[in-house]
Amino acid sequence: MNILITGSSGQIGTNVGIALLDRGDTVTGIDIRANTWTDRIPTQTFDLSKATPSDIPAQKYDVVLHFAAHAKVYELVEHPDRAMENINMLFPVLDYCRQQNTPIIFSSSREVYGDIHRHVTEEASADFVVAESPYSASKIAGEALIYSYAQCYDLPYLVLRFSNVYGRFDNDIDRLERVIPLFVRRIADGDAITVYGREKVLDFTYVEDCVNGILKGIDALIDGRVKHQTINLAYGRGSSLEDLVNMIGMAVGKTPDVTYESSRSGEVTRYVADIAKARDLLGYTPQVPLSGGLPKAIQWQRDTGAL
């Protein structure tokens, strides 16, 4: 298969790109920056938010994976213009897919559900009336564009809603402060950390599980077995941030110097995914709980010199 990945230099894009190459697929990447992790993914570097459909590399793709986005929730609270850039990044890619009749997989987020307090959430429960943050609004808008193109042009799609993906290729802290590698580094170094939301419960997804689900989605969409579906991809169990901090402390052999404060504006305080649809449609069965994934993630940081 010939596959285009936007956001190919990010964590998920890099992991998926390498997995596709390893199984013999052809991959082309688009990103605003070069990939700092690997040179295996041929990448064209330009700003998708200022692009047109004609800027997309002219090939016949079996599917386009649109992963490009500003992905830090509170960063978009402080810089809401980046939420509009997320929408602007999607449009040329989506319209390219319309023109070429190429299926698209869109990376959405648990953020579209808002600040829920139920134990689990299934896909139809997303509340598009109230967006908790500019980031969640950008993902809601992106999904709406995808659905409208399916309705008007019968464009095949999958929307995959990710949840706190962690692991390999996520420790570029100088560029993007992701919570797990940031806490790991600071706790291992004996530095103080501040946790916003002691009781916050989130569904942390190890990257290998996420990639496995994406590959299953790619194959199902291209084969025509599944299309026009929105699917949660997560582990399916929640962990509190307090549990996360304590697990990291045990893994690195340090007692965390931690201060707990209230959750910040725009942040979801509880989310645990209902993954029944992913199991039923894709045969998705995540294998790595947080207790098993954290040691792998920490070892990756050690191997790359981040610890």
C-alpha atoms as a PDB file:
ATOM      1  CA  MET A   1       0.000   0.000   0.000  1.00  0.00           C
ATOM      2  CA  ASN A   2       0.996   3.608  -0.584  1.00  0.00           C
ATOM      3  CA  ILE A   3       0.175   5.789   2.422  1.00  0.00           C
ATOM      4  CA  LEU A   4       0.476   9.511   3.157  1.00  0.00           C
ATOM      5  CA  ILE A   5       0.928  10.609   6.778  1.00  0.00           C
ATOM      6  CA  THR A   6       0.549  14.235   7.808  1.00  0.00           C
ATOM      7  CA  GLY A   7       2.220  15.034  11.111  1.00  0.00           C
ATOM      8  CA  SER A   8       4.715  12.301  10.238  1.00  0.00           C
ATOM      9  CA  SER A   9       7.397  13.713  12.564  1.00  0.00           C
ATOM     10  CA  GLY A  10       5.205  13.523  15.658  1.00  0.00           C
ATOM     11  CA  GLN A  11       4.961  10.675  18.121  1.00  0.00           C
ATOM     12  CA  ILE A  12       2.065   8.771  16.583  1.00  0.00           C
ATOM     13  CA  GLY A  13       3.042   9.594  13.003  1.00  0.00           C
ATOM     14  CA  THR A  14       6.597   8.351  13.532  1.00  0.00           C
ATOM     15  CA  ASN A  15       5.516   5.114  15.208  1.00  0.00           C
ATOM     16  CA  VAL A  16       2.870   4.363  12.583  1.00  0.00           C
ATOM     17  CA  GLY A  17       5.194   5.287   9.711  1.00  0.00           C
ATOM     18  CA  ILE A  18       7.905   2.906  10.917  1.00  0.00           C
ATOM     19  CA  ALA A  19       5.365   0.109  11.510  1.00  0.00           C
ATOM     20  CA  LEU A  20       4.018   0.533   7.970  1.00  0.00           C
ATOM     21  CA  LEU A  21       7.510   0.500   6.478  1.00  0.00           C
ATOM     22  CA  ASP A  22       8.389  -2.588   8.499  1.00  0.00           C
ATOM     23  CA  ARG A  23       5.478  -4.491   6.986  1.00  0.00           C
ATOM     24  CA  GLY A  24       6.397  -3.446   3.444  1.00  0.00           C
ATOM     25  CA  ASP A  25       4.150  -0.456   2.768  1.00  0.00           C
ATOM     26  CA  THR A  26       5.307   2.749   1.069  1.00  0.00           C
ATOM     27  CA  VAL A  27       5.071   5.875   3.214  1.00  0.00           C
ATOM     28  CA  THR A  28       5.273   9.594   2.423  1.00  0.00           C
ATOM     29  CA  GLY A  29       5.287  12.149   5.225  1.00  0.00           C
ATOM     30  CA  ILE A  30       4.311  15.793   5.549  1.00  0.00           C
ATOM     31  CA  ASP A  31       5.314  17.851   8.566  1.00  0.00           C
ATOM     32  CA  ILE A  32       6.320  21.403   9.415  1.00  0.00           C
ATOM     33  CA  ARG A  33       9.624  20.051  10.767  1.00  0.00           C
ATOM     34  CA  ALA A  34      12.053  17.301   9.936  1.00  0.00           C
ATOM     35  CA  ASN A  35      11.780  14.044  11.862  1.00  0.00           C
ATOM     36  CA  THR A  36      14.322  14.052  14.699  1.00  0.00           C
ATOM     37  CA  TRP A  37      13.830  10.351  15.464  1.00  0.00           C
ATOM     38  CA  THR A  38      14.334   8.613  12.121  1.00  0.00           C
ATOM     39  CA  ASP A  39      15.324   9.265   8.518  1.00  0.00           C
ATOM     40  CA  ARG A  40      13.337   6.292   7.243  1.00  0.00           C
ATOM     41  CA  ILE A  41      10.166   8.277   6.485  1.00  0.00           C
ATOM     42  CA  PRO A  42      10.539  10.448   3.338  1.00  0.00           C
ATOM     43  CA  THR A  43       9.141  13.781   4.508  1.00  0.00           C
ATOM     44  CA  GLN A  44       8.177  16.988   2.768  1.00  0.00           C
ATOM     45  CA  THR A  45       8.449  19.912   5.197  1.00  0.00           C
ATOM     46  CA  PHE A  46       5.934  22.718   4.850  1.00  0.00           C
ATOM     47  CA  ASP A  47       3.152  24.386   6.852  1.00  0.00           C
ATOM     48  CA  LEU A  48      -0.134  22.635   6.119  1.00  0.00           C
ATOM     49  CA  SER A  49      -2.105  25.464   7.744  1.00  0.00           C
ATOM     50  CA  LYS A  50      -1.053  27.693   4.822  1.00  0.00           C
ATOM     51  CA  ALA A  51      -1.342  25.021   2.122  1.00  0.00           C
ATOM     52  CA  THR A  52      -3.818  24.236  -0.657  1.00  0.00           C
ATOM     53  CA  PRO A  53      -4.798  20.809  -2.005  1.00  0.00           C
ATOM     54  CA  SER A  54      -2.323  21.274  -4.864  1.00  0.00           C
ATOM     55  CA  ASP A  55       0.543  21.364  -2.326  1.00  0.00           C
ATOM     56  CA  ILE A  56      -0.091  17.741  -1.346  1.00  0.00           C
ATOM     57  CA  PRO A  57       2.526  15.457  -3.003  1.00  0.00           C
ATOM     58  CA  ALA A  58       0.918  14.213  -6.207  1.00  0.00           C
ATOM     59  CA  GLN A  59       0.717  10.439  -5.943  1.00  0.00           C
ATOM     60  CA  LYS A  60      -2.021   7.850  -5.823  1.00  0.00           C
ATOM     61  CA  TYR A  61      -2.439   6.970  -2.167  1.00  0.00           C
ATOM     62  CA  ASP A  62      -4.463   4.092  -0.813  1.00  0.00           C
ATOM     63  CA  VAL A  63      -5.231   6.122   2.315  1.00  0.00           C
ATOM     64  CA  VAL A  64      -4.253   9.403   3.955  1.00  0.00           C
ATOM     65  CA  LEU A  65      -3.596   9.519   7.706  1.00  0.00           C
ATOM     66  CA  HIS A  66      -4.167  13.055   8.964  1.00  0.00           C
ATOM     67  CA  PHE A  67      -2.286  13.320  12.268  1.00  0.00           C
ATOM     68  CA  ALA A  68      -0.992  16.903  11.928  1.00  0.00           C
ATOM     69  CA  ALA A  69      -2.186  19.171  14.746  1.00  0.00           C
ATOM     70  CA  HIS A  70      -1.182  21.337  17.658  1.00  0.00           C
ATOM     71  CA  ALA A  71      -1.909  18.804  20.395  1.00  0.00           C
ATOM     72  CA  LYS A  72      -1.230  20.416  23.788  1.00  0.00           C
ATOM     73  CA  VAL A  73      -4.580  21.358  25.350  1.00  0.00           C
ATOM     74  CA  TYR A  74      -3.482  24.147  27.680  1.00  0.00           C
ATOM     75  CA  GLU A  75      -1.128  25.560  25.041  1.00  0.00           C
ATOM     76  CA  LEU A  76      -4.185  26.200  22.869  1.00  0.00           C
ATOM     77  CA  VAL A  77      -5.959  27.853  25.790  1.00  0.00           C
ATOM     78  CA  GLU A  78      -3.057  30.298  25.901  1.00  0.00           C
ATOM     79  CA  HIS A  79      -2.754  30.498  22.089  1.00  0.00           C
ATOM     80  CA  PRO A  80      -6.246  29.921  20.638  1.00  0.00           C
ATOM     81  CA  ASP A  81      -5.074  30.881  17.144  1.00  0.00           C
ATOM     82  CA  ARG A  82      -3.414  27.457  17.026  1.00  0.00           C
ATOM     83  CA  ALA A  83      -6.844  25.844  17.258  1.00  0.00           C
ATOM     84  CA  MET A  84      -7.774  27.590  14.015  1.00  0.00           C
ATOM     85  CA  GLU A  85      -4.503  26.362  12.523  1.00  0.00           C
ATOM     86  CA  ASN A  86      -5.620  22.812  13.337  1.00  0.00           C
ATOM     87  CA  ILE A  87      -8.723  23.346  11.217  1.00  0.00           C
ATOM     88  CA  ASN A  88      -6.706  25.009   8.470  1.00  0.00           C
ATOM     89  CA  MET A  89      -4.318  22.036   8.419  1.00  0.00           C
ATOM     90  CA  LEU A  90      -7.171  19.617   7.821  1.00  0.00           C
ATOM     91  CA  PHE A  91      -8.939  21.416   4.989  1.00  0.00           C
ATOM     92  CA  PRO A  92      -6.359  21.070   2.165  1.00  0.00           C
ATOM     93  CA  VAL A  93      -5.798  17.422   3.069  1.00  0.00           C
ATOM     94  CA  LEU A  94      -9.507  16.649   3.200  1.00  0.00           C
ATOM     95  CA  ASP A  95     -10.219  18.421  -0.060  1.00  0.00           C
ATOM     96  CA  TYR A  96      -7.297  16.626  -1.694  1.00  0.00           C
ATOM     97  CA  CYS A  97      -8.901  13.355  -0.603  1.00  0.00           C
ATOM     98  CA  ARG A  98     -12.214  14.499  -2.096  1.00  0.00           C
ATOM     99  CA  GLN A  99     -10.590  15.341  -5.409  1.00  0.00           C
ATOM    100  CA  GLN A 100      -8.703  12.033  -5.549  1.00  0.00           C
ATOM    101  CA  ASN A 101     -11.427   9.936  -3.873  1.00  0.00           C
ATOM    102  CA  THR A 102      -8.844   8.761  -1.350  1.00  0.00           C
ATOM    103  CA  PRO A 103      -9.997   7.392   2.042  1.00  0.00           C
ATOM    104  CA  ILE A 104      -8.914   9.412   5.076  1.00  0.00           C
ATOM    105  CA  ILE A 105      -8.229   8.518   8.701  1.00  0.00           C
ATOM    106  CA  PHE A 106      -8.510  11.490  11.045  1.00  0.00           C
ATOM    107  CA  SER A 107      -6.851  11.590  14.457  1.00  0.00           C
ATOM    108  CA  SER A 108      -9.379  12.965  16.888  1.00  0.00           C
ATOM    109  CA  SER A 109      -9.271  13.027  20.664  1.00  0.00           C
ATOM    110  CA  ARG A 110     -11.021  12.124  23.877  1.00  0.00           C
ATOM    111  CA  GLU A 111     -11.342  15.901  24.298  1.00  0.00           C
ATOM    112  CA  VAL A 112     -14.466  15.920  22.101  1.00  0.00           C
ATOM    113  CA  TYR A 113     -16.411  14.328  24.968  1.00  0.00           C
ATOM    114  CA  GLY A 114     -15.867  17.331  27.202  1.00  0.00           C
ATOM    115  CA  ASP A 115     -15.458  17.169  30.959  1.00  0.00           C
ATOM    116  CA  ILE A 116     -17.483  14.059  31.727  1.00  0.00           C
ATOM    117  CA  HIS A 117     -17.962  12.338  35.067  1.00  0.00           C
ATOM    118  CA  ARG A 118     -19.255   8.961  33.923  1.00  0.00           C
ATOM    119  CA  HIS A 119     -17.033   5.921  34.231  1.00  0.00           C
ATOM    120  CA  VAL A 120     -16.943   5.122  30.496  1.00  0.00           C
ATOM    121  CA  THR A 121     -17.883   6.847  27.267  1.00  0.00           C
ATOM    122  CA  GLU A 122     -19.036   5.379  23.981  1.00  0.00           C
ATOM    123  CA  GLU A 123     -18.698   7.158  20.676  1.00  0.00           C
ATOM    124  CA  ALA A 124     -22.265   8.465  20.370  1.00  0.00           C
ATOM    125  CA  SER A 125     -21.938  10.267  23.714  1.00  0.00           C
ATOM    126  CA  ALA A 126     -19.669  13.050  22.479  1.00  0.00           C
ATOM    127  CA  ASP A 127     -21.234  16.425  23.254  1.00  0.00           C
ATOM    128  CA  PHE A 128     -20.651  18.775  20.338  1.00  0.00           C
ATOM    129  CA  VAL A 129     -22.691  21.556  21.957  1.00  0.00           C
ATOM    130  CA  VAL A 130     -20.157  22.597  24.585  1.00  0.00           C
ATOM    131  CA  ALA A 131     -16.424  22.516  23.831  1.00  0.00           C
ATOM    132  CA  GLU A 132     -14.203  22.562  26.900  1.00  0.00           C
ATOM    133  CA  SER A 133     -11.236  24.218  25.185  1.00  0.00           C
ATOM    134  CA  PRO A 134     -10.080  25.617  21.838  1.00  0.00           C
ATOM    135  CA  TYR A 135      -8.279  22.318  21.263  1.00  0.00           C
ATOM    136  CA  SER A 136     -11.445  20.284  21.747  1.00  0.00           C
ATOM    137  CA  ALA A 137     -13.299  22.755  19.509  1.00  0.00           C
ATOM    138  CA  SER A 138     -10.711  22.214  16.762  1.00  0.00           C
ATOM    139  CA  LYS A 139     -11.193  18.439  16.937  1.00  0.00           C
ATOM    140  CA  ILE A 140     -14.985  18.790  16.969  1.00  0.00           C
ATOM    141  CA  ALA A 141     -14.759  21.055  13.919  1.00  0.00           C
ATOM    142  CA  GLY A 142     -12.430  18.593  12.207  1.00  0.00           C
ATOM    143  CA  GLU A 143     -14.819  15.725  12.788  1.00  0.00           C
ATOM    144  CA  ALA A 144     -17.708  17.833  11.475  1.00  0.00           C
ATOM    145  CA  LEU A 145     -15.803  18.526   8.244  1.00  0.00           C
ATOM    146  CA  ILE A 146     -15.044  14.827   7.833  1.00  0.00           C
ATOM    147  CA  TYR A 147     -18.702  13.884   8.346  1.00  0.00           C
ATOM    148  CA  SER A 148     -19.886  16.540   5.903  1.00  0.00           C
ATOM    149  CA  TYR A 149     -17.526  15.275   3.181  1.00  0.00           C
ATOM    150  CA  ALA A 150     -18.788  11.741   3.730  1.00  0.00           C
ATOM    151  CA  GLN A 151     -22.368  12.972   3.452  1.00  0.00           C
ATOM    152  CA  CYS A 152     -21.862  15.151   0.365  1.00  0.00           C
ATOM    153  CA  TYR A 153     -19.176  13.202  -1.514  1.00  0.00           C
ATOM    154  CA  ASP A 154     -19.362   9.698  -0.009  1.00  0.00           C
ATOM    155  CA  LEU A 155     -15.729  10.048   1.045  1.00  0.00           C
ATOM    156  CA  PRO A 156     -14.631   6.947   2.995  1.00  0.00           C
ATOM    157  CA  TYR A 157     -13.261   7.788   6.439  1.00  0.00           C
ATOM    158  CA  LEU A 158     -12.438   6.596   9.899  1.00  0.00           C
ATOM    159  CA  VAL A 159     -12.272   8.983  12.834  1.00  0.00           C
ATOM    160  CA  LEU A 160     -10.060   7.561  15.579  1.00  0.00           C
ATOM    161  CA  ARG A 161     -10.320   9.178  19.003  1.00  0.00           C
ATOM    162  CA  PHE A 162      -7.032   8.781  20.859  1.00  0.00           C
ATOM    163  CA  SER A 163      -6.465   9.112  24.589  1.00  0.00           C
ATOM    164  CA  ASN A 164      -3.169  10.087  26.258  1.00  0.00           C
ATOM    165  CA  VAL A 165      -0.863   8.064  24.037  1.00  0.00           C
ATOM    166  CA  TYR A 166       2.588   7.584  25.603  1.00  0.00           C
ATOM    167  CA  GLY A 167       5.777   5.649  24.960  1.00  0.00           C
ATOM    168  CA  ARG A 168       8.397   5.599  22.210  1.00  0.00           C
ATOM    169  CA  PHE A 169       9.145   8.929  20.435  1.00  0.00           C
ATOM    170  CA  ASP A 170       7.288  11.097  22.986  1.00  0.00           C
ATOM    171  CA  ASN A 171      10.193  12.459  25.062  1.00  0.00           C
ATOM    172  CA  ASP A 172      11.095  15.529  22.998  1.00  0.00           C
ATOM    173  CA  ILE A 173      10.325  17.696  26.026  1.00  0.00           C
ATOM    174  CA  ASP A 174      12.136  20.762  24.716  1.00  0.00           C
ATOM    175  CA  ARG A 175       9.624  20.925  21.869  1.00  0.00           C
ATOM    176  CA  LEU A 176       6.447  19.660  23.545  1.00  0.00           C
ATOM    177  CA  GLU A 177       5.979  19.006  27.263  1.00  0.00           C
ATOM    178  CA  ARG A 178       4.113  15.697  27.408  1.00  0.00           C
ATOM    179  CA  VAL A 179       3.058  14.769  30.913  1.00  0.00           C
ATOM    180  CA  ILE A 180       4.605  11.291  31.297  1.00  0.00           C
ATOM    181  CA  PRO A 181       8.142  11.968  29.981  1.00  0.00           C
ATOM    182  CA  LEU A 182       8.147  15.323  31.783  1.00  0.00           C
ATOM    183  CA  PHE A 183       7.216  13.746  35.126  1.00  0.00           C
ATOM    184  CA  VAL A 184       9.652  10.873  34.580  1.00  0.00           C
ATOM    185  CA  ARG A 185      12.581  13.210  33.969  1.00  0.00           C
ATOM    186  CA  ARG A 186      11.791  15.514  36.880  1.00  0.00           C
ATOM    187  CA  ILE A 187      11.061  12.766  39.393  1.00  0.00           C
ATOM    188  CA  ALA A 188      14.189  10.841  38.348  1.00  0.00           C
ATOM    189  CA  ASP A 189      16.258  14.034  38.773  1.00  0.00           C
ATOM    190  CA  GLY A 190      14.696  14.748  42.185  1.00  0.00           C
ATOM    191  CA  ASP A 191      13.044  17.952  40.919  1.00  0.00           C
ATOM    192  CA  ALA A 192       9.710  19.206  42.194  1.00  0.00           C
ATOM    193  CA  ILE A 193       6.636  18.740  40.025  1.00  0.00           C
ATOM    194  CA  THR A 194       3.197  20.342  40.069  1.00  0.00           C
ATOM    195  CA  VAL A 195       0.186  18.202  39.201  1.00  0.00           C
ATOM    196  CA  TYR A 196      -2.958  19.998  38.123  1.00  0.00           C
ATOM    197  CA  GLY A 197      -5.807  17.792  39.295  1.00  0.00           C
ATOM    198  CA  ARG A 198      -4.966  15.186  41.936  1.00  0.00           C
ATOM    199  CA  GLU A 199      -8.153  13.224  41.292  1.00  0.00           C
ATOM    200  CA  LYS A 200      -8.008  13.610  37.499  1.00  0.00           C
ATOM    201  CA  VAL A 201      -8.610  10.188  35.909  1.00  0.00           C
ATOM    202  CA  LEU A 202      -7.417   9.568  32.361  1.00  0.00           C
ATOM    203  CA  ASP A 203      -7.136   6.595  30.025  1.00  0.00           C
ATOM    204  CA  PHE A 204      -3.420   6.267  29.225  1.00  0.00           C
ATOM    205  CA  THR A 205      -2.702   4.296  26.028  1.00  0.00           C
ATOM    206  CA  TYR A 206       0.654   2.687  25.328  1.00  0.00           C
ATOM    207  CA  VAL A 207       1.829   3.587  21.855  1.00  0.00           C
ATOM    208  CA  GLU A 208       2.173   0.013  20.591  1.00  0.00           C
ATOM    209  CA  ASP A 209      -1.508  -0.601  21.359  1.00  0.00           C
ATOM    210  CA  CYS A 210      -2.410   2.632  19.578  1.00  0.00           C
ATOM    211  CA  VAL A 211      -0.345   1.727  16.504  1.00  0.00           C
ATOM    212  CA  ASN A 212      -1.852  -1.749  16.385  1.00  0.00           C
ATOM    213  CA  GLY A 213      -5.336  -0.223  16.367  1.00  0.00           C
ATOM    214  CA  ILE A 214      -4.404   2.245  13.623  1.00  0.00           C
ATOM    215  CA  LEU A 215      -2.986  -0.506  11.404  1.00  0.00           C
ATOM    216  CA  LYS A 216      -6.157  -2.538  11.882  1.00  0.00           C
ATOM    217  CA  GLY A 217      -8.171   0.554  10.956  1.00  0.00           C
ATOM    218  CA  ILE A 218      -6.095   1.159   7.822  1.00  0.00           C
ATOM    219  CA  ASP A 219      -6.578  -2.412   6.618  1.00  0.00           C
ATOM    220  CA  ALA A 220     -10.303  -2.449   7.398  1.00  0.00           C
ATOM    221  CA  LEU A 221     -10.897   0.886   5.634  1.00  0.00           C
ATOM    222  CA  ILE A 222      -8.916  -0.023   2.503  1.00  0.00           C
ATOM    223  CA  ASP A 223     -10.536  -3.461   2.304  1.00  0.00           C
ATOM    224  CA  GLY A 224     -13.982  -1.851   2.573  1.00  0.00           C
ATOM    225  CA  ARG A 225     -14.878  -3.835   5.688  1.00  0.00           C
ATOM    226  CA  VAL A 226     -15.314  -0.665   7.756  1.00  0.00           C
ATOM    227  CA  LYS A 227     -15.977   2.908   6.665  1.00  0.00           C
ATOM    228  CA  HIS A 228     -17.807   6.000   7.887  1.00  0.00           C
ATOM    229  CA  GLN A 229     -17.103   5.076  11.515  1.00  0.00           C
ATOM    230  CA  THR A 230     -15.890   6.923  14.606  1.00  0.00           C
ATOM    231  CA  ILE A 231     -13.960   4.704  17.006  1.00  0.00           C
ATOM    232  CA  ASN A 232     -12.287   5.132  20.392  1.00  0.00           C
ATOM    233  CA  LEU A 233      -8.700   3.828  20.531  1.00  0.00           C
ATOM    234  CA  ALA A 234      -7.526   3.662  24.139  1.00  0.00           C
ATOM    235  CA  TYR A 235      -6.679   1.120  26.813  1.00  0.00           C
ATOM    236  CA  GLY A 236     -10.156   1.189  28.330  1.00  0.00           C
ATOM    237  CA  ARG A 237      -9.236   1.741  31.989  1.00  0.00           C
ATOM    238  CA  GLY A 238      -8.578   4.901  33.928  1.00  0.00           C
ATOM    239  CA  SER A 239      -5.705   5.899  36.205  1.00  0.00           C
ATOM    240  CA  SER A 240      -5.525   8.969  38.407  1.00  0.00           C
ATOM    241  CA  LEU A 241      -2.643  11.401  38.095  1.00  0.00           C
ATOM    242  CA  GLU A 242      -1.767  10.584  41.706  1.00  0.00           C
ATOM    243  CA  ASP A 243      -1.462   6.902  40.717  1.00  0.00           C
ATOM    244  CA  LEU A 244       0.662   7.918  37.719  1.00  0.00           C
ATOM    245  CA  VAL A 245       3.061   9.923  39.874  1.00  0.00           C
ATOM    246  CA  ASN A 246       3.399   7.111  42.420  1.00  0.00           C
ATOM    247  CA  MET A 247       4.049   4.506  39.683  1.00  0.00           C
ATOM    248  CA  ILE A 248       6.754   6.678  38.162  1.00  0.00           C
ATOM    249  CA  GLY A 249       8.348   7.162  41.565  1.00  0.00           C
ATOM    250  CA  MET A 250       8.476   3.415  42.156  1.00  0.00           C
ATOM    251  CA  ALA A 251       9.828   2.776  38.652  1.00  0.00           C
ATOM    252  CA  VAL A 252      12.718   5.230  39.006  1.00  0.00           C
ATOM    253  CA  GLY A 253      13.330   4.552  42.706  1.00  0.00           C
ATOM    254  CA  LYS A 254      12.585   8.086  43.903  1.00  0.00           C
ATOM    255  CA  THR A 255      10.000   9.617  46.225  1.00  0.00           C
ATOM    256  CA  PRO A 256       8.220  12.269  44.147  1.00  0.00           C
ATOM    257  CA  ASP A 257       8.416  15.879  45.386  1.00  0.00           C
ATOM    258  CA  VAL A 258       4.909  16.734  44.234  1.00  0.00           C
ATOM    259  CA  THR A 259       2.473  19.598  44.765  1.00  0.00           C
ATOM    260  CA  TYR A 260      -1.159  19.139  43.778  1.00  0.00           C
ATOM    261  CA  GLU A 261      -3.211  22.052  42.511  1.00  0.00           C
ATOM    262  CA  SER A 262      -6.612  22.418  40.886  1.00  0.00           C
ATOM    263  CA  SER A 263      -7.111  21.452  37.255  1.00  0.00           C
ATOM    264  CA  ARG A 264      -6.479  24.251  34.782  1.00  0.00           C
ATOM    265  CA  SER A 265      -9.016  25.861  32.483  1.00  0.00           C
ATOM    266  CA  GLY A 266     -10.038  23.708  29.539  1.00  0.00           C
ATOM    267  CA  GLU A 267      -8.686  20.420  30.913  1.00  0.00           C
ATOM    268  CA  VAL A 268     -10.791  17.274  31.050  1.00  0.00           C
ATOM    269  CA  THR A 269     -10.792  15.805  34.553  1.00  0.00           C
ATOM    270  CA  ARG A 270     -12.223  12.351  33.878  1.00  0.00           C
ATOM    271  CA  TYR A 271     -12.195  10.111  30.817  1.00  0.00           C
ATOM    272  CA  VAL A 272     -12.248   6.342  30.449  1.00  0.00           C
ATOM    273  CA  ALA A 273     -12.954   5.028  26.957  1.00  0.00           C
ATOM    274  CA  ASP A 274     -15.552   2.501  25.927  1.00  0.00           C
ATOM    275  CA  ILE A 275     -13.537   0.410  23.439  1.00  0.00           C
ATOM    276  CA  ALA A 276     -16.257  -2.113  22.575  1.00  0.00           C
ATOM    277  CA  LYS A 277     -16.665  -0.666  19.082  1.00  0.00           C
ATOM    278  CA  ALA A 278     -12.924  -0.965  18.397  1.00  0.00           C
ATOM    279  CA  ARG A 279     -13.029  -4.597  19.510  1.00  0.00           C
ATOM    280  CA  ASP A 280     -16.103  -5.398  17.424  1.00  0.00           C
ATOM    281  CA  LEU A 281     -15.161  -3.575  14.195  1.00  0.00           C
ATOM    282  CA  LEU A 282     -11.368  -3.796  14.203  1.00  0.00           C
ATOM    283  CA  GLY A 283     -10.523  -6.745  16.436  1.00  0.00           C
ATOM    284  CA  TYR A 284      -8.627  -4.297  18.663  1.00  0.00           C
ATOM    285  CA  THR A 285      -7.408  -5.756  21.968  1.00  0.00           C
ATOM    286  CA  PRO A 286      -4.973  -3.524  23.876  1.00  0.00           C
ATOM    287  CA  GLN A 287      -2.323  -5.468  25.749  1.00  0.00           C
ATOM    288  CA  VAL A 288      -0.351  -2.968  27.853  1.00  0.00           C
ATOM    289  CA  PRO A 289      -1.731  -1.461  31.083  1.00  0.00           C
ATOM    290  CA  LEU A 290      -0.136   1.669  32.520  1.00  0.00           C
ATOM    291  CA  SER A 291       1.785  -0.447  35.036  1.00  0.00           C
ATOM    292  CA  GLY A 292       3.350  -2.371  32.164  1.00  0.00           C
ATOM    293  CA  GLY A 293       3.800   0.525  29.753  1.00  0.00           C
ATOM    294  CA  LEU A 294       5.522   2.944  32.121  1.00  0.00           C
ATOM    295  CA  PRO A 295       8.676   0.777  32.538  1.00  0.00           C
ATOM    296  CA  LYS A 296       8.888   0.489  28.736  1.00  0.00           C
ATOM    297  CA  ALA A 297       8.502   4.254  28.339  1.00  0.00           C
ATOM    298  CA  ILE A 298      11.108   4.947  31.022  1.00  0.00           C
ATOM    299  CA  GLN A 299      13.553   2.511  29.433  1.00  0.00           C
ATOM    300  CA  TRP A 300      13.048   4.312  26.110  1.00  0.00           C
ATOM    301  CA  GLN A 301      13.982   7.604  27.799  1.00  0.00           C
ATOM    302  CA  ARG A 302      17.102   5.984  29.233  1.00  0.00           C
ATOM    303  CA  ASP A 303      18.060   4.471  25.890  1.00  0.00           C
ATOM    304  CA  THR A 304      17.744   7.845  24.140  1.00  0.00           C
ATOM    305  CA  GLY A 305      19.712   9.705  26.799  1.00  0.00           C
ATOM    306  CA  ALA A 306      16.763  11.619  28.212  1.00  0.00           C
ATOM    307  CA  LEU A 307      17.466  10.164  31.696  1.00  0.00           C
END
